[in-house]
Amino acid sequence: MQQKLTIGMLSKQSAVKVETIRYYERSGLLPIPTRSASGYRYYDGEDVKRLRFIRRGRSLGFGLEEIRSLLQLADQPQQPCHEADQLVQAHLAEVDAKIRDLQAIRNVLEQLAGCQSQTAAHCRLLEALEERVCCSTR
């Protein structure tokens, strides 16, 4: 027989906050737990594994709907892996696009850094944000 875990114990073992566990239950990512006569939720080791799976997916940047699809695949291990690979490929493309965007932002910020102006009137960043060119040298 598996050990019954309270929501607090589940939270500690999975490193997922109690409020998040309840949210995952409401959204169907985590099965509705059994309850004691007094209404306490009881979980088991499978719930810990599932929450760790969700948490890891979130840490890799997958959205909840993507994780839902991955959980469905994980629940049916005989299914082919191509759907999971398609999710990975699409997510990788999104990550690459974000990296390009962040690199572009970094390049602009690098150009704005090191302003030697003594006043905000000639601050490079403020000029850029206000889309104005002032008399300060660049």
Protein backbone atom coordinates (compact mmCIF):
# COMPACT_ATOMS: atom_id res chain seq x y z
CA MET A 1 0.00 0.00 0.00
CA GLN A 2 1.31 3.44 -0.91
CA GLN A 3 1.74 6.09 1.73
CA LYS A 4 -1.01 8.70 1.87
CA LEU A 5 0.34 12.20 1.60
CA THR A 6 -1.36 15.38 2.70
CA ILE A 7 -1.23 18.37 0.37
CA GLY A 8 1.52 19.90 2.53
CA MET A 9 3.63 16.75 2.29
CA LEU A 10 3.01 16.59 -1.45
CA SER A 11 4.07 20.20 -1.76
CA LYS A 12 7.37 19.53 0.02
CA GLN A 13 8.16 16.36 -1.90
CA SER A 14 7.36 17.86 -5.30
CA ALA A 15 8.64 21.41 -4.63
CA VAL A 16 5.31 22.78 -5.89
CA LYS A 17 3.32 25.29 -3.84
CA VAL A 18 0.01 24.21 -2.32
CA GLU A 19 -1.92 26.87 -4.27
CA THR A 20 -0.35 25.62 -7.49
CA ILE A 21 -1.29 22.02 -6.68
CA ARG A 22 -4.91 23.09 -6.19
CA TYR A 23 -4.78 25.00 -9.50
CA TYR A 24 -3.42 21.94 -11.31
CA GLU A 25 -6.25 19.89 -9.83
CA ARG A 26 -8.87 22.39 -11.02
CA SER A 27 -7.32 22.51 -14.49
CA GLY A 28 -7.19 18.72 -14.77
CA LEU A 29 -3.41 18.36 -14.90
CA LEU A 30 -3.45 16.52 -11.58
CA PRO A 31 -6.16 13.98 -10.79
CA ILE A 32 -8.68 14.87 -8.11
CA PRO A 33 -7.35 13.24 -4.94
CA THR A 34 -9.19 10.96 -2.60
CA ARG A 35 -10.49 12.64 0.51
CA SER A 36 -10.73 11.55 4.09
CA ALA A 37 -14.03 11.59 5.97
CA SER A 38 -13.00 14.99 7.34
CA GLY A 39 -12.27 16.35 3.83
CA TYR A 40 -8.47 16.20 3.79
CA ARG A 41 -6.93 15.54 0.40
CA TYR A 42 -4.72 12.45 0.17
CA TYR A 43 -2.11 11.89 -2.50
CA ASP A 44 0.41 9.18 -3.33
CA GLY A 45 3.80 8.73 -4.98
CA GLU A 46 2.29 8.89 -8.48
CA ASP A 47 1.04 12.39 -7.71
CA VAL A 48 4.56 13.38 -6.63
CA LYS A 49 5.97 12.04 -9.91
CA ARG A 50 3.29 13.83 -11.95
CA LEU A 51 3.92 17.16 -10.20
CA ARG A 52 7.65 16.84 -10.71
CA PHE A 53 6.98 16.15 -14.41
CA ILE A 54 4.81 19.28 -14.63
CA ARG A 55 7.34 21.39 -12.73
CA ARG A 56 10.18 20.24 -14.99
CA GLY A 57 8.09 20.97 -18.08
CA ARG A 58 7.35 24.45 -16.78
CA SER A 59 11.04 25.03 -16.04
CA LEU A 60 11.78 24.19 -19.70
CA GLY A 61 9.24 26.84 -20.70
CA PHE A 62 6.39 24.62 -21.86
CA GLY A 63 2.91 26.03 -21.44
CA LEU A 64 0.18 24.22 -19.54
CA GLU A 65 -1.54 22.99 -22.70
CA GLU A 66 1.73 21.62 -24.01
CA ILE A 67 2.31 19.90 -20.68
CA ARG A 68 -1.22 18.51 -20.83
CA SER A 69 -0.37 16.92 -24.19
CA LEU A 70 2.91 15.57 -22.84
CA LEU A 71 1.15 14.11 -19.80
CA GLN A 72 -1.32 12.35 -22.09
CA LEU A 73 1.60 10.86 -24.00
CA ALA A 74 3.34 9.87 -20.77
CA ASP A 75 0.11 8.19 -19.60
CA GLN A 76 0.07 6.12 -22.83
CA PRO A 77 3.69 4.95 -23.23
CA GLN A 78 2.83 2.75 -26.21
CA GLN A 79 2.03 5.85 -28.31
CA PRO A 80 4.62 7.06 -30.84
CA CYS A 81 6.91 9.89 -29.79
CA HIS A 82 6.46 12.10 -32.89
CA GLU A 83 3.93 14.39 -31.18
CA ALA A 84 6.35 15.07 -28.34
CA ASP A 85 9.12 15.72 -30.85
CA GLN A 86 6.90 18.17 -32.73
CA LEU A 87 6.28 20.02 -29.46
CA VAL A 88 10.02 20.14 -28.78
CA GLN A 89 10.81 21.41 -32.28
CA ALA A 90 8.17 24.15 -32.07
CA HIS A 91 9.29 25.14 -28.59
CA LEU A 92 12.93 25.21 -29.68
CA ALA A 93 12.03 27.58 -32.52
CA GLU A 94 10.27 29.86 -30.00
CA VAL A 95 13.28 29.80 -27.68
CA ASP A 96 15.61 30.65 -30.58
CA ALA A 97 13.39 33.59 -31.52
CA LYS A 98 13.40 34.84 -27.92
CA ILE A 99 17.20 34.56 -27.81
CA ARG A 100 17.45 36.65 -30.99
CA ASP A 101 15.09 39.25 -29.51
CA LEU A 102 17.02 39.37 -26.24
CA GLN A 103 20.32 39.70 -28.12
CA ALA A 104 18.90 42.65 -30.06
CA ILE A 105 17.77 44.28 -26.80
CA ARG A 106 21.19 43.65 -25.31
CA ASN A 107 22.89 45.32 -28.28
CA VAL A 108 20.75 48.45 -27.91
CA LEU A 109 21.30 48.58 -24.15
CA GLU A 110 25.04 48.17 -24.68
CA GLN A 111 24.98 51.24 -26.95
CA LEU A 112 23.07 53.21 -24.31
CA ALA A 113 25.28 52.20 -21.38
CA GLY A 114 28.09 54.36 -20.09
CA CYS A 115 26.42 57.71 -20.50
CA GLN A 116 28.72 60.49 -19.26
CA SER A 117 26.04 63.19 -19.08
CA GLN A 118 25.77 65.10 -15.84
CA THR A 119 22.04 65.73 -16.28
CA ALA A 120 18.96 63.76 -17.26
CA ALA A 121 18.40 66.20 -20.12
CA HIS A 122 21.21 64.53 -22.02
CA CYS A 123 20.82 60.96 -20.74
CA ARG A 124 21.24 58.45 -23.58
CA LEU A 125 18.55 56.13 -22.24
CA LEU A 126 16.00 58.89 -21.76
CA GLU A 127 16.76 60.22 -25.23
CA ALA A 128 16.21 56.79 -26.72
CA LEU A 129 12.98 56.22 -24.81
CA GLU A 130 11.66 59.62 -25.85
CA GLU A 131 12.90 59.02 -29.42
CA ARG A 132 14.79 62.28 -29.46
CA VAL A 133 18.32 63.21 -30.38
CA CYS A 134 19.93 65.80 -28.18
CA CYS A 135 23.17 67.62 -28.30
CA SER A 136 25.11 65.01 -26.33
CA THR A 137 27.92 63.28 -28.18
CA ARG A 138 27.66 59.62 -28.90
